[in-house]
N, C-alpha and C. Protein backbone atom coordinates (compact mmCIF):
# COMPACT_ATOMS: atom_id res chain seq x y z
N MET A 1 31.87 -108.84 61.16
CA MET A 1 32.19 -108.47 60.00
C MET A 1 30.98 -108.88 59.12
N THR A 2 30.44 -108.29 58.13
CA THR A 2 29.57 -108.50 57.42
C THR A 2 30.08 -108.60 55.96
N ARG A 3 29.58 -109.64 55.28
CA ARG A 3 29.94 -109.96 53.98
C ARG A 3 29.04 -109.80 53.03
N VAL A 4 29.08 -109.07 51.96
CA VAL A 4 28.13 -108.86 50.76
C VAL A 4 28.28 -109.90 49.77
N VAL A 5 27.10 -110.54 49.44
CA VAL A 5 27.18 -111.49 48.31
C VAL A 5 26.39 -111.18 47.25
N ARG A 6 27.04 -111.22 45.99
CA ARG A 6 26.13 -110.66 44.98
C ARG A 6 25.33 -112.03 44.45
N ALA A 7 24.31 -111.49 43.81
CA ALA A 7 23.34 -112.49 43.32
C ALA A 7 23.96 -113.04 41.98
N GLN A 8 24.56 -112.29 41.34
CA GLN A 8 25.07 -112.69 40.09
C GLN A 8 26.38 -113.54 40.24
N PRO A 9 26.75 -114.51 39.16
CA PRO A 9 27.79 -115.25 39.33
C PRO A 9 29.17 -114.27 39.38
N TYR A 10 30.11 -114.85 40.20
CA TYR A 10 31.49 -113.99 40.35
C TYR A 10 32.19 -114.06 39.27
N LEU A 11 32.27 -115.19 38.47
CA LEU A 11 32.99 -115.11 37.35
C LEU A 11 32.63 -114.15 36.23
N GLY A 12 31.12 -114.05 36.17
CA GLY A 12 30.63 -113.07 35.07
C GLY A 12 30.94 -111.77 35.56
N CYS A 13 31.17 -111.49 36.80
CA CYS A 13 31.36 -109.84 36.99
C CYS A 13 32.64 -109.40 37.14
N MET A 14 33.71 -110.31 37.39
CA MET A 14 34.85 -109.86 37.66
C MET A 14 35.79 -109.97 36.35
N THR A 15 36.53 -108.76 36.32
CA THR A 15 37.52 -108.49 35.25
C THR A 15 38.66 -107.98 35.67
N ASN A 16 39.72 -107.91 34.84
CA ASN A 16 41.22 -107.37 35.25
C ASN A 16 40.99 -106.06 35.71
N SER A 17 40.20 -105.15 35.19
CA SER A 17 40.18 -103.88 35.54
C SER A 17 39.92 -103.60 36.95
N GLN A 18 39.23 -104.56 37.50
CA GLN A 18 38.75 -104.31 38.76
C GLN A 18 40.01 -104.82 39.86
N ALA A 19 40.94 -105.49 39.31
CA ALA A 19 42.00 -105.93 40.34
C ALA A 19 42.92 -104.73 40.36
N THR A 20 42.76 -103.61 39.77
CA THR A 20 43.65 -102.54 39.80
C THR A 20 43.02 -101.43 40.43
N VAL A 21 41.93 -101.37 41.02
CA VAL A 21 41.21 -100.48 41.51
C VAL A 21 41.92 -99.90 42.81
N GLY A 22 42.07 -98.67 43.03
CA GLY A 22 42.86 -98.15 44.20
C GLY A 22 44.39 -98.03 44.13
N ARG A 23 44.93 -98.59 43.05
CA ARG A 23 46.28 -98.60 42.77
C ARG A 23 46.80 -97.77 41.56
N THR A 24 47.63 -96.94 42.04
CA THR A 24 48.35 -96.18 40.83
C THR A 24 49.61 -96.66 40.50
N SER A 25 49.91 -96.29 39.27
CA SER A 25 51.26 -96.49 38.56
C SER A 25 51.52 -95.47 37.68
N ARG A 26 52.88 -95.14 37.63
CA ARG A 26 53.43 -94.08 36.66
C ARG A 26 53.18 -94.68 35.37
N HIS A 27 53.25 -95.88 35.09
CA HIS A 27 53.19 -96.41 33.58
C HIS A 27 52.01 -97.48 33.62
N PRO A 28 50.80 -96.98 33.44
CA PRO A 28 49.80 -97.98 33.69
C PRO A 28 49.80 -98.85 32.20
N ARG A 29 49.56 -100.18 32.38
CA ARG A 29 49.66 -100.91 31.27
C ARG A 29 48.19 -100.99 30.47
N PRO A 30 47.93 -101.07 29.54
CA PRO A 30 46.63 -101.29 29.05
C PRO A 30 45.95 -102.65 29.47
N ARG A 31 45.00 -102.66 29.95
CA ARG A 31 44.49 -104.07 30.43
C ARG A 31 43.31 -104.50 29.48
N THR A 32 43.26 -105.80 29.36
CA THR A 32 42.20 -106.19 28.33
C THR A 32 41.03 -106.65 29.35
N VAL A 33 39.79 -106.46 29.08
CA VAL A 33 38.62 -106.84 29.91
C VAL A 33 38.47 -108.23 29.66
N THR A 34 38.34 -109.24 30.58
CA THR A 34 38.14 -110.52 30.18
C THR A 34 36.54 -110.83 29.84
N LYS A 35 36.45 -111.51 29.00
CA LYS A 35 35.13 -111.86 28.70
C LYS A 35 34.41 -112.70 30.01
N SER A 36 33.26 -112.65 30.13
CA SER A 36 32.52 -113.26 31.14
C SER A 36 32.39 -114.81 30.76
N VAL A 37 32.53 -115.53 31.67
CA VAL A 37 32.48 -117.15 31.45
C VAL A 37 31.25 -117.58 32.08
N ALA A 38 30.54 -118.58 31.24
CA ALA A 38 29.12 -118.93 31.77
C ALA A 38 29.47 -119.95 32.82
N LEU A 39 28.92 -120.11 33.74
CA LEU A 39 29.01 -121.08 34.81
C LEU A 39 28.76 -122.61 34.14
N PRO A 40 29.81 -123.47 34.44
CA PRO A 40 29.59 -124.76 33.81
C PRO A 40 28.33 -125.51 34.39
N VAL A 41 27.58 -126.04 33.36
CA VAL A 41 26.48 -126.66 33.63
C VAL A 41 26.54 -128.31 33.69
N SER A 42 27.35 -128.69 32.70
CA SER A 42 27.52 -130.33 32.77
C SER A 42 28.91 -130.76 33.48
N ARG A 43 28.86 -131.92 33.83
CA ARG A 43 30.07 -132.41 34.47
C ARG A 43 31.42 -132.20 33.52
N ALA A 44 31.02 -132.45 32.17
CA ALA A 44 32.04 -132.07 31.22
C ALA A 44 32.87 -130.79 31.07
N GLU A 45 31.88 -129.66 31.40
CA GLU A 45 32.19 -128.47 31.22
C GLU A 45 32.96 -128.02 32.55
N THR A 46 32.50 -128.72 33.75
CA THR A 46 33.38 -128.44 34.92
C THR A 46 34.73 -129.08 34.77
N LEU A 47 34.84 -130.28 34.28
CA LEU A 47 36.12 -130.71 34.09
C LEU A 47 36.96 -130.17 33.53
N GLU A 48 36.42 -129.42 32.29
CA GLU A 48 37.13 -128.76 31.32
C GLU A 48 37.61 -127.45 31.77
N LEU A 49 36.81 -126.79 32.56
CA LEU A 49 37.27 -125.57 33.51
C LEU A 49 38.26 -125.72 34.35
N ARG A 50 38.14 -126.89 35.16
CA ARG A 50 39.04 -127.30 36.05
C ARG A 50 40.48 -127.65 35.61
N ASP A 51 40.65 -128.30 34.26
CA ASP A 51 41.71 -128.46 33.55
C ASP A 51 42.29 -127.09 32.95
N LEU A 52 41.54 -126.26 32.64
CA LEU A 52 41.83 -124.90 32.22
C LEU A 52 42.59 -124.13 33.39
N LEU A 53 41.99 -124.11 34.61
CA LEU A 53 42.36 -123.46 35.83
C LEU A 53 43.60 -123.99 36.25
N GLU A 54 43.81 -125.50 36.05
CA GLU A 54 45.06 -126.18 36.55
C GLU A 54 46.23 -125.80 35.66
N ALA A 55 45.85 -125.71 34.50
CA ALA A 55 46.92 -125.40 33.36
C ALA A 55 47.64 -123.77 33.63
N ASN A 56 46.66 -122.99 33.92
CA ASN A 56 46.86 -121.70 34.09
C ASN A 56 47.69 -121.62 35.34
N LEU A 57 47.57 -122.17 36.46
CA LEU A 57 48.06 -122.33 37.66
C LEU A 57 49.46 -122.95 37.51
N HIS A 58 49.58 -123.95 36.84
CA HIS A 58 50.94 -124.41 36.52
C HIS A 58 51.94 -123.45 35.63
N ALA A 59 51.35 -122.71 34.84
CA ALA A 59 52.04 -121.71 33.99
C ALA A 59 52.62 -120.72 35.00
N LEU A 60 51.44 -120.39 35.67
CA LEU A 60 51.90 -119.15 36.77
C LEU A 60 52.94 -119.58 37.68
N GLN A 61 52.92 -120.97 37.95
CA GLN A 61 54.03 -121.31 38.92
C GLN A 61 55.34 -121.49 38.23
N ALA A 62 55.32 -121.84 37.00
CA ALA A 62 56.62 -121.60 36.25
C ALA A 62 57.11 -120.32 35.93
N VAL A 63 56.19 -119.53 35.79
CA VAL A 63 56.80 -117.95 35.76
C VAL A 63 57.31 -117.54 37.10
N GLN A 64 56.58 -117.94 38.13
CA GLN A 64 57.26 -117.39 39.46
C GLN A 64 58.26 -117.98 39.68
N ASP A 65 58.50 -119.37 39.26
CA ASP A 65 59.80 -119.92 39.81
C ASP A 65 60.89 -119.31 38.69
N GLU A 66 60.86 -118.88 37.45
CA GLU A 66 61.79 -118.43 36.48
C GLU A 66 62.06 -116.91 37.24
N HIS A 67 60.99 -116.21 37.67
CA HIS A 67 61.47 -114.83 38.13
C HIS A 67 62.15 -114.85 39.55
N ARG A 68 61.84 -116.11 40.26
CA ARG A 68 62.70 -116.27 41.46
C ARG A 68 63.99 -116.46 41.02
N ARG A 69 64.34 -117.34 40.00
CA ARG A 69 65.73 -117.57 39.73
C ARG A 69 66.51 -116.49 39.25
N MET A 70 65.67 -115.77 38.59
CA MET A 70 66.27 -114.59 38.05
C MET A 70 66.59 -113.41 39.18
N LEU A 71 65.73 -113.10 40.09
CA LEU A 71 65.99 -112.49 41.26
C LEU A 71 67.10 -112.96 42.13
N GLU A 72 67.08 -114.27 42.14
CA GLU A 72 68.28 -114.81 42.89
C GLU A 72 69.61 -114.59 42.34
N MET A 73 69.67 -114.81 40.92
CA MET A 73 70.83 -114.48 40.24
C MET A 73 71.37 -112.97 40.30
N SER A 74 70.32 -112.25 40.06
CA SER A 74 70.65 -110.67 40.28
C SER A 74 71.11 -110.50 41.57
N LEU A 75 70.61 -110.99 42.57
CA LEU A 75 71.10 -110.68 43.98
C LEU A 75 72.46 -111.10 44.10
N ARG A 76 72.89 -112.32 43.77
CA ARG A 76 74.20 -112.86 43.70
C ARG A 76 75.22 -111.93 42.98
N THR A 77 74.82 -111.36 41.82
CA THR A 77 75.54 -110.74 40.98
C THR A 77 75.87 -109.21 41.84
N ILE A 78 74.79 -108.85 42.16
CA ILE A 78 74.82 -107.44 43.01
C ILE A 78 75.83 -107.68 44.05
N ASP A 79 75.68 -108.79 44.88
CA ASP A 79 76.66 -109.01 46.26
C ASP A 79 77.91 -109.10 45.66
N SER A 80 78.28 -109.93 44.88
CA SER A 80 79.84 -110.03 44.39
C SER A 80 80.11 -108.62 43.70
N ALA A 81 79.35 -107.79 43.17
CA ALA A 81 79.82 -106.49 42.91
C ALA A 81 79.94 -105.64 43.87
N ALA A 82 79.23 -105.78 45.13
CA ALA A 82 79.53 -104.82 46.31
C ALA A 82 80.66 -105.23 47.01
N THR A 83 80.76 -106.69 46.81
CA THR A 83 82.20 -107.13 47.68
C THR A 83 83.38 -106.62 46.97
N GLU A 84 83.41 -106.66 45.53
CA GLU A 84 84.38 -106.02 44.71
C GLU A 84 84.77 -104.60 44.95
N LEU A 85 83.66 -103.96 44.92
CA LEU A 85 83.58 -102.40 45.22
C LEU A 85 84.28 -102.29 46.71
N ARG A 86 84.00 -102.94 47.49
CA ARG A 86 84.40 -102.63 48.90
C ARG A 86 85.80 -102.81 49.08
N SER A 87 86.43 -104.17 48.36
CA SER A 87 87.86 -104.38 48.33
C SER A 87 88.54 -103.14 47.63
N ASP A 88 87.95 -102.78 46.54
CA ASP A 88 88.63 -101.59 45.80
C ASP A 88 88.71 -100.24 46.52
N LEU A 89 87.64 -100.07 47.30
CA LEU A 89 87.56 -98.98 48.01
C LEU A 89 88.54 -99.00 49.21
N ARG A 90 89.00 -100.28 49.76
CA ARG A 90 89.85 -100.31 50.84
C ARG A 90 91.19 -100.18 50.21
N ALA A 91 91.38 -100.59 49.08
CA ALA A 91 92.74 -100.37 48.29
C ALA A 91 93.10 -98.99 48.10
N ILE A 92 92.12 -98.39 47.53
CA ILE A 92 92.25 -96.80 47.44
C ILE A 92 92.58 -95.95 48.69
N THR A 93 91.74 -96.45 49.67
CA THR A 93 92.01 -95.46 50.67
C THR A 93 93.01 -95.86 51.78
N SER A 94 93.78 -96.87 51.42
CA SER A 94 94.99 -97.38 52.14
C SER A 94 96.21 -96.41 51.99
N THR A 95 96.97 -96.05 53.03
CA THR A 95 98.05 -95.30 52.97
C THR A 95 99.23 -95.84 52.36
N ARG A 96 99.15 -97.02 52.21
CA ARG A 96 100.31 -97.73 51.18
C ARG A 96 99.72 -97.89 49.80
N ALA A 97 98.82 -97.09 49.56
CA ALA A 97 98.27 -97.37 47.96
C ALA A 97 99.45 -96.73 46.96
N PRO A 98 99.53 -97.12 45.83
CA PRO A 98 100.45 -96.91 44.82
C PRO A 98 100.30 -95.26 44.56
N TRP A 99 99.03 -94.91 44.59
CA TRP A 99 98.78 -93.48 44.22
C TRP A 99 99.26 -92.49 45.33
N VAL A 100 99.36 -93.03 46.71
CA VAL A 100 99.72 -92.23 47.64
C VAL A 100 101.20 -92.01 47.51
N LYS A 101 101.95 -92.95 47.14
CA LYS A 101 103.50 -92.85 46.99
C LYS A 101 103.85 -91.93 45.81
N ALA A 102 103.01 -92.12 44.85
CA ALA A 102 103.25 -91.35 43.53
C ALA A 102 102.98 -89.89 43.93
N LEU A 103 101.84 -89.60 44.59
CA LEU A 103 101.51 -88.18 44.88
C LEU A 103 102.69 -87.66 45.84
N ALA A 104 103.19 -88.33 46.78
CA ALA A 104 104.26 -87.86 47.48
C ALA A 104 105.66 -87.71 46.85
N GLU A 105 105.95 -88.61 45.88
CA GLU A 105 107.12 -88.22 45.04
C GLU A 105 106.82 -87.06 44.13
N THR A 106 105.60 -86.75 43.59
CA THR A 106 105.27 -85.71 42.75
C THR A 106 105.42 -84.48 43.47
N ARG A 107 104.94 -84.33 44.86
CA ARG A 107 105.01 -83.36 45.55
C ARG A 107 106.52 -82.88 45.91
N ALA A 108 107.28 -83.98 46.16
CA ALA A 108 108.89 -83.60 46.39
C ALA A 108 109.49 -83.04 45.19
N LEU A 109 109.15 -83.65 43.94
CA LEU A 109 109.64 -83.10 42.71
C LEU A 109 109.29 -81.69 42.45
N LEU A 110 107.97 -81.24 42.65
CA LEU A 110 107.39 -79.92 42.52
C LEU A 110 108.06 -78.90 43.55
N PHE A 111 108.14 -79.48 44.73
CA PHE A 111 109.05 -78.57 45.81
C PHE A 111 110.49 -78.28 45.46
N VAL A 112 111.11 -79.31 44.76
CA VAL A 112 112.52 -79.11 44.49
C VAL A 112 112.33 -78.20 43.03
N ALA A 113 111.64 -78.45 42.26
CA ALA A 113 111.62 -77.43 40.93
C ALA A 113 111.15 -76.08 41.33
N LEU A 114 110.35 -75.80 42.35
CA LEU A 114 109.80 -74.49 42.78
C LEU A 114 110.88 -73.90 43.32
N ARG A 115 111.52 -74.78 44.35
CA ARG A 115 112.70 -73.99 44.83
C ARG A 115 113.83 -73.54 44.01
N GLU A 116 114.07 -74.19 42.91
CA GLU A 116 115.08 -73.72 41.70
C GLU A 116 114.68 -72.70 41.08
N VAL A 117 113.42 -72.45 40.66
CA VAL A 117 112.82 -71.25 40.31
C VAL A 117 112.87 -70.11 41.21
N ILE A 118 112.51 -70.16 42.36
CA ILE A 118 112.51 -68.88 43.11
C ILE A 118 113.91 -68.79 43.77
N VAL A 119 114.72 -69.52 44.05
CA VAL A 119 115.99 -69.17 44.64
C VAL A 119 117.03 -69.02 43.24
N GLY A 120 116.94 -69.91 42.23
CA GLY A 120 117.73 -69.57 41.16
C GLY A 120 119.31 -69.90 41.42
N ALA A 121 119.92 -69.56 40.60
CA ALA A 121 121.45 -69.96 40.63
C ALA A 121 122.25 -69.00 41.72
N HIS A 122 121.49 -68.11 42.44
CA HIS A 122 122.17 -67.28 43.57
C HIS A 122 122.20 -67.87 44.77
N GLU A 123 121.21 -68.93 44.96
CA GLU A 123 121.09 -69.75 46.12
C GLU A 123 121.06 -68.84 47.40
N ALA A 124 120.36 -67.65 47.18
CA ALA A 124 119.99 -66.64 48.37
C ALA A 124 119.35 -67.39 49.32
N GLU A 125 119.61 -67.06 50.55
CA GLU A 125 119.13 -67.28 51.92
C GLU A 125 118.93 -68.91 52.15
N LEU A 126 120.17 -69.47 51.57
CA LEU A 126 120.24 -71.05 51.72
C LEU A 126 121.34 -71.27 52.66
N SER A 127 120.92 -72.27 53.76
CA SER A 127 122.01 -72.47 54.67
C SER A 127 122.87 -73.55 54.02
N MET A 128 122.16 -74.32 53.10
CA MET A 128 123.14 -75.31 52.64
C MET A 128 123.25 -75.06 50.92
N HIS A 129 124.22 -74.99 50.40
CA HIS A 129 124.35 -74.78 48.99
C HIS A 129 123.95 -75.83 48.18
N LEU A 130 123.10 -75.49 47.13
CA LEU A 130 122.70 -76.79 46.18
C LEU A 130 124.08 -77.11 45.25
N PRO A 131 124.11 -78.28 44.97
CA PRO A 131 125.27 -78.69 43.94
C PRO A 131 125.26 -78.13 42.69
N GLN A 132 126.14 -77.39 42.14
CA GLN A 132 126.28 -76.72 40.92
C GLN A 132 126.56 -77.97 39.76
N GLN A 133 125.94 -77.79 38.70
CA GLN A 133 126.30 -78.51 37.47
C GLN A 133 127.74 -78.17 36.82
N GLU A 134 128.36 -79.20 36.51
CA GLU A 134 129.69 -78.87 35.84
C GLU A 134 129.50 -78.17 34.68
N PRO A 135 130.25 -77.07 34.07
CA PRO A 135 129.78 -76.78 32.43
C PRO A 135 130.29 -77.65 31.57
N ALA A 136 129.48 -77.71 30.41
CA ALA A 136 129.73 -78.64 29.32
C ALA A 136 131.17 -78.44 28.82
N ASP A 137 131.51 -77.16 28.89
CA ASP A 137 133.15 -77.04 28.14
C ASP A 137 134.01 -77.17 29.33
N PRO A 138 134.98 -78.22 29.29
CA PRO A 138 135.96 -78.40 30.48
C PRO A 138 136.94 -77.05 30.54
N HIS A 139 137.09 -76.25 29.64
CA HIS A 139 138.11 -75.29 29.61
C HIS A 139 137.48 -74.03 30.29
N HIS A 140 136.27 -74.01 30.47
CA HIS A 140 135.63 -72.78 30.80
C HIS A 140 135.89 -72.58 32.41
N ARG A 141 136.16 -71.29 32.61
CA ARG A 141 136.56 -70.99 34.20
C ARG A 141 135.55 -70.11 34.72
N VAL A 142 135.09 -70.31 35.89
CA VAL A 142 134.35 -69.31 36.55
C VAL A 142 135.42 -68.30 37.19
N ARG A 143 134.90 -66.77 36.97
CA ARG A 143 135.80 -65.91 37.44
C ARG A 143 135.36 -65.35 38.74
């Protein structure tokens, strides 16, 4: 493997826009181009640059830790929601669920109501006669 080394300083030629080469994004963020930094000449400048880089590293680690905590919390929330959904689905699909019993009762009521509408008071073609209601007037006679 051959490595190409540039004659100019690395910090002077590196910019944020180069970090995104080859990557496409649906929502590209505007990137600011960093200003070139002169190489430190004196020991004081080297120490200052080192302190700056260490401060940036600590800030990035803090951001990474915060993101990790947020992701872990989100995953726990999603996991508990998925558990609740699974239990709700089991309850809904159970044959002993309240909605199944209510549906069966409604079906029976509709069957009886439809039978009364179709058959009516004549009770035609019934092997068993439906009970008749007593008339409201006790002196009323059926002829």
